[in-house]
Amino acid sequence: MSLYRALIWLKAAENRLWVKPAVGSVVAVLIALVAAVGNRLIPAGLLPDIERSTLDNLLGVIASSMLGVATFSLSIMVAAFSSAAVGASPRAIQLVAGDSDTQNAITTFISAFIYAIIANTALGLGLYGGTGRFILFVCTMGVLLYLIVTLVRWVKTLSVLGRMENTLAKLETAAVGAMDAYRRSPGMGARTAHGPMPTGAPVRANKVGYLRHIDMQTLQEQAVAASARLHVRVRPGQLVHPGTVLVIVEAGADNDKPDPDPDALRQTFVLGDGRSFDQDPRFGLIVLCEVAQRALSPAVNDPGTAIAAMNTITRVLVDTPTDPVARETPLDRLTLVPLDPADFIHQAFDPIARDGAAVPEVQLRMQKLLSIVAEGCDEEVGNAARRQAATSLQRAMLALVLEEDKTRLCELHTTLFSGSPVAA
């Protein structure tokens, strides 16, 4: 496994859920054994003597309470996952699972439990003399202080974990991060390749899966080593299969150097069963759209949540400015197929327009938000927003029953979009 793949694996929320407690448990054991080592290094009589019963009581309280707290915290976390899946979208679970406060709390509780068990066992075996008991007492006081801080933060986290507002905020953070990275470098460090498909030797995928990440830096290094140019023909978020061309190798003028190994090139494309937020600016918008769709379903019937999700989508699109100065292309031997900015609008708003066509308040808000996007984004996205506003109006005219609702919507659309025709 390459370093890039290992870092992605560690970054995945489902892996951090057990990696952090595992690392914390090892640290807890080491802290418990520090006192035994210090007992041999520091002469007896230099430090105060702590009664064994005092340590027994402290460690017993920690061990008995932390096991229950850890079990309770895990049940709360599972309930939050279920709430996010049912109330928002199953795709939002990875963000809820990645909540740092939750992971730190569970890691702390499990580690403290293990520390108390190991320390109490070592104390019973007589591994600590007078010096060791004092060092163990100091370590235990530090563990207790850290537990108090963690518990206070955990209570604050419990008040919002799993709530719709918290889930939408996490989705917005993930979507803004991906959108900001895209607008800073639309080609992920490479030059975006417009026009016909370049010539060269194609390297195809060898299995089915969603493209989650591309290791662009390794591709650049392989291109430099072979004096070749690599034309990447897929973007993160795309579903690839054995017939999909991942990259086209354009041989360089130096024929003495061999072309990059196809298997090595494939290793730079990380596939998975689902999409990832990191390099895919569309995915965050799609999940926010799913939240609105679920809210508009007959079983839920919550237009307010749908409107909140649309507001979030608009903030992601408008409040993430394009920085032309930051559009650098340090990976000079790579090109990347461009992303159609119109997809941001179509994939984020059109499903909501379809499912909420008969809901007047949703349609009225959509027209207002699309006008904000049309004015606040670049020309391509703005034109797509105007087209989507016209399409949404057509859907609503077919679904709305009351003529008064149709009239209000038509008047609002005319007011917002008159004098701003869509560019051809």
Protein backbone atom coordinates (compact mmCIF):
# COMPACT_ATOMS: atom_id res chain seq x y z
CA MET A 1 0.00 0.00 0.00
CA SER A 2 1.36 3.41 -0.99
CA LEU A 3 1.72 6.22 1.53
CA TYR A 4 -1.07 8.13 -0.24
CA ARG A 5 -3.48 5.21 0.07
CA ALA A 6 -2.46 4.65 3.69
CA LEU A 7 -3.20 8.28 4.57
CA ILE A 8 -6.59 8.09 2.85
CA TRP A 9 -7.34 4.88 4.73
CA LEU A 10 -6.47 6.51 8.05
CA LYS A 11 -8.52 9.59 7.17
CA ALA A 12 -11.68 7.55 6.56
CA ALA A 13 -14.17 8.08 9.40
CA GLU A 14 -14.96 4.37 9.73
CA ASN A 15 -11.26 3.64 10.34
CA ARG A 16 -10.66 6.55 12.71
CA LEU A 17 -13.47 5.19 14.91
CA TRP A 18 -11.28 2.28 16.01
CA VAL A 19 -7.76 3.55 15.23
CA LYS A 20 -8.00 6.41 17.73
CA PRO A 21 -9.16 4.19 20.64
CA ALA A 22 -6.51 1.62 19.75
CA VAL A 23 -3.74 4.23 19.81
CA GLY A 24 -5.17 5.76 22.97
CA SER A 25 -5.19 2.36 24.66
CA VAL A 26 -1.51 1.84 23.87
CA VAL A 27 -0.70 5.29 25.27
CA ALA A 28 -2.71 4.48 28.40
CA VAL A 29 -0.68 1.33 29.00
CA LEU A 30 2.57 3.25 28.53
CA ILE A 31 1.50 5.92 31.02
CA ALA A 32 0.60 3.24 33.56
CA LEU A 33 4.04 1.68 33.17
CA VAL A 34 5.89 5.01 33.44
CA ALA A 35 5.52 4.90 37.21
CA ALA A 36 7.18 1.49 37.38
CA VAL A 37 10.13 2.75 35.34
CA GLY A 38 10.38 5.93 37.42
CA ASN A 39 10.45 3.83 40.56
CA ARG A 40 13.79 2.41 39.41
CA LEU A 41 15.28 5.68 38.14
CA ILE A 42 14.44 8.00 41.06
CA PRO A 43 15.94 7.23 44.48
CA ALA A 44 13.51 6.39 47.27
CA GLY A 45 12.66 9.14 49.76
CA LEU A 46 12.88 12.09 47.35
CA LEU A 47 9.13 12.14 46.69
CA PRO A 48 6.15 11.99 49.09
CA ASP A 49 4.76 8.56 49.87
CA ILE A 50 1.16 7.97 48.76
CA GLU A 51 -0.92 5.34 50.52
CA ARG A 52 -1.82 2.36 48.36
CA SER A 53 -5.46 2.56 49.48
CA THR A 54 -5.73 6.08 48.03
CA LEU A 55 -4.62 4.87 44.62
CA ASP A 56 -6.84 1.79 44.89
CA ASN A 57 -9.90 4.00 45.45
CA LEU A 58 -9.05 6.43 42.64
CA LEU A 59 -8.30 3.73 40.08
CA GLY A 60 -11.37 1.76 41.13
CA VAL A 61 -13.63 4.76 40.58
CA ILE A 62 -12.13 5.39 37.14
CA ALA A 63 -12.38 1.75 36.07
CA SER A 64 -15.97 1.26 37.25
CA SER A 65 -17.31 4.53 35.86
CA MET A 66 -15.49 4.73 32.53
CA LEU A 67 -16.74 1.36 31.29
CA GLY A 68 -20.33 2.50 31.73
CA VAL A 69 -19.65 5.93 30.25
CA ALA A 70 -17.91 4.42 27.22
CA THR A 71 -20.80 2.01 26.63
CA PHE A 72 -23.32 4.83 26.94
CA SER A 73 -21.31 7.02 24.55
CA LEU A 74 -21.18 4.27 21.95
CA SER A 75 -24.96 3.85 22.14
CA ILE A 76 -25.39 7.61 21.69
CA MET A 77 -23.09 7.52 18.66
CA VAL A 78 -25.06 4.69 17.07
CA ALA A 79 -28.30 6.60 17.70
CA ALA A 80 -26.78 9.66 16.03
CA PHE A 81 -25.83 7.56 12.99
CA SER A 82 -29.39 6.28 12.76
CA SER A 83 -30.81 9.78 13.13
CA ALA A 84 -28.57 11.12 10.36
CA ALA A 85 -29.44 8.23 8.04
CA VAL A 86 -33.19 8.46 8.61
CA GLY A 87 -33.59 12.21 8.98
CA ALA A 88 -30.99 13.48 6.52
CA SER A 89 -29.25 11.03 4.18
CA PRO A 90 -27.32 7.75 4.57
CA ARG A 91 -24.45 9.50 2.79
CA ALA A 92 -24.19 11.90 5.74
CA ILE A 93 -23.23 9.14 8.18
CA GLN A 94 -19.54 9.37 7.27
CA LEU A 95 -19.51 13.01 8.39
CA VAL A 96 -21.34 12.28 11.64
CA ALA A 97 -18.96 9.38 12.26
CA GLY A 98 -16.05 11.73 11.64
CA ASP A 99 -17.06 14.15 14.41
CA SER A 100 -13.80 14.82 16.24
CA ASP A 101 -15.40 15.55 19.63
CA THR A 102 -17.25 12.22 19.57
CA GLN A 103 -14.15 10.28 18.58
CA ASN A 104 -12.00 12.02 21.19
CA ALA A 105 -14.58 11.39 23.92
CA ILE A 106 -14.87 7.67 23.19
CA THR A 107 -11.09 7.37 22.89
CA THR A 108 -10.64 9.10 26.24
CA PHE A 109 -13.19 6.96 28.06
CA ILE A 110 -11.85 3.65 26.73
CA SER A 111 -8.23 4.68 27.31
CA ALA A 112 -8.97 5.80 30.88
CA PHE A 113 -10.67 2.47 31.60
CA ILE A 114 -7.68 0.52 30.29
CA TYR A 115 -5.27 2.78 32.18
CA ALA A 116 -7.10 2.17 35.45
CA ILE A 117 -7.18 -1.62 34.94
CA ILE A 118 -3.47 -1.85 34.04
CA ALA A 119 -2.38 0.52 36.81
CA ASN A 120 -4.50 -1.24 39.43
CA THR A 121 -3.17 -4.63 38.37
CA ALA A 122 0.44 -3.40 38.49
CA LEU A 123 -0.23 -1.84 41.89
CA GLY A 124 -1.56 -5.15 43.20
CA LEU A 125 1.52 -6.97 41.88
CA GLY A 126 3.76 -4.61 43.83
CA LEU A 127 5.49 -3.08 40.81
CA TYR A 128 5.35 0.39 42.39
CA GLY A 129 7.40 1.41 45.40
CA GLY A 130 6.93 4.67 47.26
CA THR A 131 8.37 6.70 44.36
CA GLY A 132 6.33 4.79 41.82
CA ARG A 133 3.11 5.34 43.76
CA PHE A 134 3.68 9.08 43.78
CA ILE A 135 4.34 9.12 40.02
CA LEU A 136 1.22 6.98 39.53
CA PHE A 137 -0.76 9.42 41.69
CA VAL A 138 0.37 12.38 39.57
CA CYS A 139 -0.50 10.50 36.36
CA THR A 140 -3.90 9.56 37.76
CA MET A 141 -4.63 13.18 38.68
CA GLY A 142 -3.73 14.18 35.13
CA VAL A 143 -6.05 11.50 33.73
CA LEU A 144 -8.88 12.70 36.00
CA LEU A 145 -8.39 16.32 34.95
CA TYR A 146 -8.45 15.34 31.28
CA LEU A 147 -11.57 13.25 31.90
CA ILE A 148 -13.36 16.21 33.45
CA VAL A 149 -12.56 18.44 30.47
CA THR A 150 -13.63 15.71 28.05
CA LEU A 151 -16.89 15.09 29.89
CA VAL A 152 -17.79 18.78 29.80
CA ARG A 153 -17.10 18.93 26.06
CA TRP A 154 -18.99 15.66 25.55
CA VAL A 155 -22.09 17.06 27.26
CA LYS A 156 -21.96 20.02 24.86
CA THR A 157 -21.57 17.66 21.90
CA LEU A 158 -24.52 15.53 23.03
CA SER A 159 -26.80 18.55 22.86
CA VAL A 160 -26.35 18.81 19.08
CA LEU A 161 -25.11 15.40 17.88
CA GLY A 162 -27.51 13.86 15.38
CA ARG A 163 -29.75 16.91 15.11
CA MET A 164 -30.66 18.11 11.64
CA GLU A 165 -28.97 21.48 12.16
CA ASN A 166 -25.73 19.78 13.17
CA THR A 167 -25.86 17.38 10.22
CA LEU A 168 -26.50 20.23 7.77
CA ALA A 169 -23.60 22.18 9.27
CA LYS A 170 -21.25 19.22 8.78
CA LEU A 171 -22.46 18.78 5.20
CA GLU A 172 -21.92 22.47 4.54
CA THR A 173 -18.38 22.34 5.92
CA ALA A 174 -17.51 19.34 3.74
CA ALA A 175 -19.13 20.85 0.64
CA VAL A 176 -17.45 24.24 1.13
CA GLY A 177 -14.06 22.58 1.55
CA ALA A 178 -14.41 20.61 -1.68
CA MET A 179 -15.82 23.60 -3.58
CA ASP A 180 -13.04 25.88 -2.34
CA ALA A 181 -10.40 23.37 -3.44
CA TYR A 182 -12.05 23.06 -6.86
CA ARG A 183 -12.26 26.81 -7.44
CA ARG A 184 -8.68 27.32 -6.34
CA SER A 185 -7.50 24.66 -8.76
CA PRO A 186 -10.14 23.31 -11.18
CA GLY A 187 -7.55 20.90 -12.57
CA MET A 188 -6.34 19.67 -9.15
CA GLY A 189 -2.94 21.17 -9.87
CA ALA A 190 -2.94 20.18 -13.55
CA ARG A 191 -4.14 22.00 -16.64
CA THR A 192 -7.75 21.33 -17.61
CA ALA A 193 -7.93 19.76 -21.07
CA HIS A 194 -10.63 21.20 -23.33
CA GLY A 195 -11.26 19.92 -26.82
CA PRO A 196 -11.03 16.45 -28.38
CA MET A 197 -9.56 13.44 -26.63
CA PRO A 198 -5.75 13.47 -26.87
CA THR A 199 -3.86 10.73 -28.65
CA GLY A 200 -1.77 8.12 -26.86
CA ALA A 201 -1.92 4.77 -25.12
CA PRO A 202 -5.02 4.44 -22.91
CA VAL A 203 -4.88 2.88 -19.47
CA ARG A 204 -8.22 1.44 -18.44
CA ALA A 205 -9.69 0.58 -15.06
CA ASN A 206 -9.67 -3.07 -14.05
CA LYS A 207 -12.69 -3.09 -11.70
CA VAL A 208 -15.98 -1.34 -10.97
CA GLY A 209 -16.17 1.37 -8.33
CA TYR A 210 -16.52 5.05 -7.60
CA LEU A 211 -13.38 7.09 -8.09
CA ARG A 212 -12.70 8.60 -4.66
CA HIS A 213 -9.21 10.11 -4.98
CA ILE A 214 -6.49 10.69 -7.55
CA ASP A 215 -2.85 10.89 -6.47
CA MET A 216 -1.90 13.69 -8.86
CA GLN A 217 1.58 14.18 -7.41
CA THR A 218 2.56 10.56 -8.04
CA LEU A 219 1.19 10.80 -11.59
CA GLN A 220 3.38 13.87 -12.14
CA GLU A 221 6.45 12.01 -10.85
CA GLN A 222 5.78 9.06 -13.14
CA ALA A 223 5.29 11.38 -16.12
CA VAL A 224 8.57 13.17 -15.41
CA ALA A 225 10.43 9.86 -15.02
CA ALA A 226 9.16 8.69 -18.42
CA SER A 227 9.41 12.12 -20.13
CA ALA A 228 5.75 11.66 -21.04
CA ARG A 229 2.51 13.55 -20.67
CA LEU A 230 -0.46 12.02 -18.87
CA HIS A 231 -4.01 13.02 -19.73
CA VAL A 232 -6.38 12.07 -16.90
CA ARG A 233 -9.84 11.37 -18.35
CA VAL A 234 -11.88 10.85 -15.17
CA ARG A 235 -12.66 12.94 -12.10
CA PRO A 236 -13.42 11.92 -8.51
CA GLY A 237 -17.06 10.97 -8.13
CA GLN A 238 -17.30 9.14 -11.44
CA LEU A 239 -18.37 5.49 -11.55
CA VAL A 240 -15.68 3.62 -13.49
CA HIS A 241 -15.65 0.09 -14.91
CA PRO A 242 -13.14 -2.06 -16.80
CA GLY A 243 -13.91 -0.21 -20.03
CA THR A 244 -13.31 3.26 -18.58
CA VAL A 245 -10.18 5.09 -19.75
CA LEU A 246 -8.45 6.42 -16.64
CA VAL A 247 -5.47 8.11 -18.27
CA ILE A 248 -3.92 8.45 -21.71
CA VAL A 249 -0.14 8.22 -21.92
CA GLU A 250 1.38 10.52 -24.52
CA ALA A 251 4.94 9.39 -25.12
CA GLY A 252 7.65 12.02 -24.98
CA ALA A 253 10.47 12.77 -27.39
CA ASP A 254 12.98 10.75 -25.35
CA ASN A 255 12.36 7.23 -26.68
CA ASP A 256 15.08 5.75 -24.43
CA LYS A 257 12.84 5.99 -21.39
CA PRO A 258 10.09 3.37 -20.97
CA ASP A 259 6.46 4.39 -20.65
CA PRO A 260 4.94 4.39 -17.15
CA ASP A 261 3.79 1.01 -15.91
CA PRO A 262 -0.02 0.71 -16.39
CA ASP A 263 -0.47 -1.05 -13.04
CA ALA A 264 1.48 1.71 -11.29
CA LEU A 265 -0.75 4.28 -12.96
CA ARG A 266 -3.89 2.45 -11.84
CA GLN A 267 -2.64 2.50 -8.25
CA THR A 268 -2.89 6.29 -8.25
CA PHE A 269 -6.66 6.05 -8.76
CA VAL A 270 -8.36 5.11 -5.49
CA LEU A 271 -11.71 3.37 -6.03
CA GLY A 272 -14.37 2.56 -3.46
CA ASP A 273 -17.96 1.47 -3.00
CA GLY A 274 -19.17 5.03 -2.44
CA ARG A 275 -18.21 8.59 -3.24
CA SER A 276 -16.04 10.82 -1.07
CA PHE A 277 -16.38 14.51 -0.24
CA ASP A 278 -12.68 15.35 -0.43
CA GLN A 279 -11.98 15.84 -4.16
CA ASP A 280 -15.58 15.77 -5.43
CA PRO A 281 -17.26 19.21 -5.22
CA ARG A 282 -20.53 17.81 -6.58
CA PHE A 283 -21.01 15.17 -3.90
CA GLY A 284 -21.66 17.59 -1.04
CA LEU A 285 -24.31 19.37 -3.12
CA ILE A 286 -25.91 16.04 -4.04
CA VAL A 287 -26.15 14.94 -0.41
CA LEU A 288 -27.67 18.28 0.59
CA CYS A 289 -30.16 17.79 -2.23
CA GLU A 290 -30.98 14.33 -0.84
CA VAL A 291 -31.72 15.91 2.54
CA ALA A 292 -34.24 18.22 0.88
CA GLN A 293 -35.77 15.37 -1.12
CA ARG A 294 -36.26 13.26 2.01
CA ALA A 295 -37.86 16.22 3.77
CA LEU A 296 -40.29 16.64 0.88
CA SER A 297 -41.33 12.97 0.86
CA PRO A 298 -44.98 12.30 1.88
CA ALA A 299 -43.79 10.37 4.94
CA VAL A 300 -41.88 13.38 6.30
CA ASN A 301 -43.59 16.41 4.73
CA ASP A 302 -41.17 18.99 6.14
CA PRO A 303 -40.76 21.88 3.68
CA GLY A 304 -38.82 23.86 6.29
CA THR A 305 -35.94 21.38 6.24
CA ALA A 306 -35.99 21.35 2.44
CA ILE A 307 -35.71 25.13 2.43
CA ALA A 308 -32.87 24.99 4.97
CA ALA A 309 -31.02 22.52 2.73
CA MET A 310 -31.52 24.79 -0.30
CA ASN A 311 -30.22 27.75 1.68
CA THR A 312 -27.13 25.71 2.51
CA ILE A 313 -26.61 24.79 -1.15
CA THR A 314 -26.80 28.46 -2.07
CA ARG A 315 -24.21 29.41 0.54
CA VAL A 316 -21.86 26.74 -0.75
CA LEU A 317 -22.15 28.06 -4.31
CA VAL A 318 -22.10 31.80 -3.58
CA ASP A 319 -19.95 32.15 -0.45
CA THR A 320 -17.04 30.16 -1.95
CA PRO A 321 -15.41 32.75 -4.21
CA THR A 322 -13.33 32.00 -7.25
CA ASP A 323 -9.70 33.01 -6.72
CA PRO A 324 -8.07 33.44 -10.14
CA VAL A 325 -4.70 34.17 -8.56
CA ALA A 326 -4.65 30.75 -6.90
CA ARG A 327 -5.29 28.86 -10.13
CA GLU A 328 -1.78 27.52 -10.43
CA THR A 329 -0.82 24.44 -12.44
CA PRO A 330 2.40 23.11 -10.88
CA LEU A 331 1.79 19.67 -12.39
CA ASP A 332 2.92 20.69 -15.85
CA ARG A 333 2.96 17.19 -17.34
CA LEU A 334 -0.65 16.41 -16.46
CA THR A 335 -4.00 17.42 -17.87
CA LEU A 336 -7.40 16.72 -16.34
CA VAL A 337 -10.75 16.49 -18.03
CA PRO A 338 -12.78 19.58 -17.04
CA LEU A 339 -15.88 19.56 -14.87
CA ASP A 340 -19.09 21.08 -16.21
CA PRO A 341 -20.04 23.86 -13.74
CA ALA A 342 -23.67 23.50 -14.81
CA ASP A 343 -23.71 20.18 -12.95
CA PHE A 344 -23.53 22.10 -9.69
CA ILE A 345 -26.93 23.61 -10.39
CA HIS A 346 -28.63 20.72 -12.13
CA GLN A 347 -27.64 18.05 -9.60
CA ALA A 348 -28.33 20.28 -6.60
CA PHE A 349 -31.66 21.89 -7.53
CA ASP A 350 -33.42 19.86 -10.22
CA PRO A 351 -34.37 16.87 -8.01
CA ILE A 352 -35.79 19.28 -5.42
CA ALA A 353 -37.72 21.11 -8.14
CA ARG A 354 -39.18 17.78 -9.25
CA ASP A 355 -40.12 16.46 -5.80
CA GLY A 356 -41.29 19.84 -4.52
CA ALA A 357 -43.10 20.97 -7.65
CA ALA A 358 -46.46 21.03 -5.86
CA VAL A 359 -45.18 22.87 -2.76
CA PRO A 360 -45.58 26.64 -3.27
CA GLU A 361 -43.20 27.75 -0.50
CA VAL A 362 -40.43 25.53 -1.84
CA GLN A 363 -40.87 26.80 -5.39
CA LEU A 364 -40.95 30.43 -4.29
CA ARG A 365 -37.76 30.00 -2.27
CA MET A 366 -36.08 28.17 -5.14
CA GLN A 367 -36.67 31.07 -7.51
CA LYS A 368 -35.19 33.50 -4.98
CA LEU A 369 -32.15 31.33 -4.32
CA LEU A 370 -31.48 30.67 -8.01
CA SER A 371 -31.55 34.41 -8.64
CA ILE A 372 -28.94 34.85 -5.88
CA VAL A 373 -26.77 32.17 -7.49
CA ALA A 374 -27.22 33.74 -10.93
CA GLU A 375 -25.99 37.10 -9.63
CA GLY A 376 -23.30 35.82 -7.25
CA CYS A 377 -21.51 33.18 -9.32
CA ASP A 378 -19.54 33.17 -12.54
CA GLU A 379 -21.18 33.26 -15.96
CA GLU A 380 -21.41 29.49 -16.53
CA VAL A 381 -23.00 28.78 -13.17
CA GLY A 382 -25.19 31.87 -13.47
CA ASN A 383 -26.57 30.80 -16.83
CA ALA A 384 -27.23 27.32 -15.47
CA ALA A 385 -29.12 28.88 -12.55
CA ARG A 386 -31.32 30.87 -14.94
CA ARG A 387 -32.07 27.77 -16.98
CA GLN A 388 -32.89 25.85 -13.82
CA ALA A 389 -35.23 28.63 -12.67
CA ALA A 390 -37.14 28.37 -15.96
CA THR A 391 -37.28 24.56 -15.70
CA SER A 392 -38.47 24.72 -12.09
CA LEU A 393 -41.18 27.17 -13.10
CA GLN A 394 -42.39 24.77 -15.78
CA ARG A 395 -42.52 21.88 -13.32
CA ALA A 396 -44.46 23.98 -10.82
CA MET A 397 -46.98 25.14 -13.43
CA LEU A 398 -47.83 21.50 -14.13
CA ALA A 399 -48.04 20.47 -10.46
CA LEU A 400 -49.62 23.43 -8.64
CA VAL A 401 -53.39 23.32 -8.27
CA LEU A 402 -54.35 26.79 -7.11
CA GLU A 403 -54.22 29.50 -9.77
CA GLU A 404 -53.22 32.08 -7.18
CA ASP A 405 -50.06 30.09 -6.38
CA LYS A 406 -49.21 29.88 -10.08
CA THR A 407 -49.70 33.63 -10.50
CA ARG A 408 -47.48 34.48 -7.52
CA LEU A 409 -44.74 32.19 -8.76
CA CYS A 410 -44.86 33.57 -12.31
CA GLU A 411 -44.75 37.14 -11.07
CA LEU A 412 -41.78 36.39 -8.80
CA HIS A 413 -39.90 34.68 -11.63
CA THR A 414 -40.54 37.61 -13.94
CA THR A 415 -39.39 40.11 -11.31
CA LEU A 416 -36.20 38.22 -10.51
CA PHE A 417 -35.12 37.18 -13.98
CA SER A 418 -36.50 39.84 -16.33
CA GLY A 419 -33.71 41.57 -18.20
CA SER A 420 -31.23 38.76 -17.51
CA PRO A 421 -31.55 36.39 -20.45
CA VAL A 422 -29.64 33.14 -20.49
CA ALA A 423 -26.56 33.25 -22.64
CA ALA A 424 -26.64 30.83 -25.54
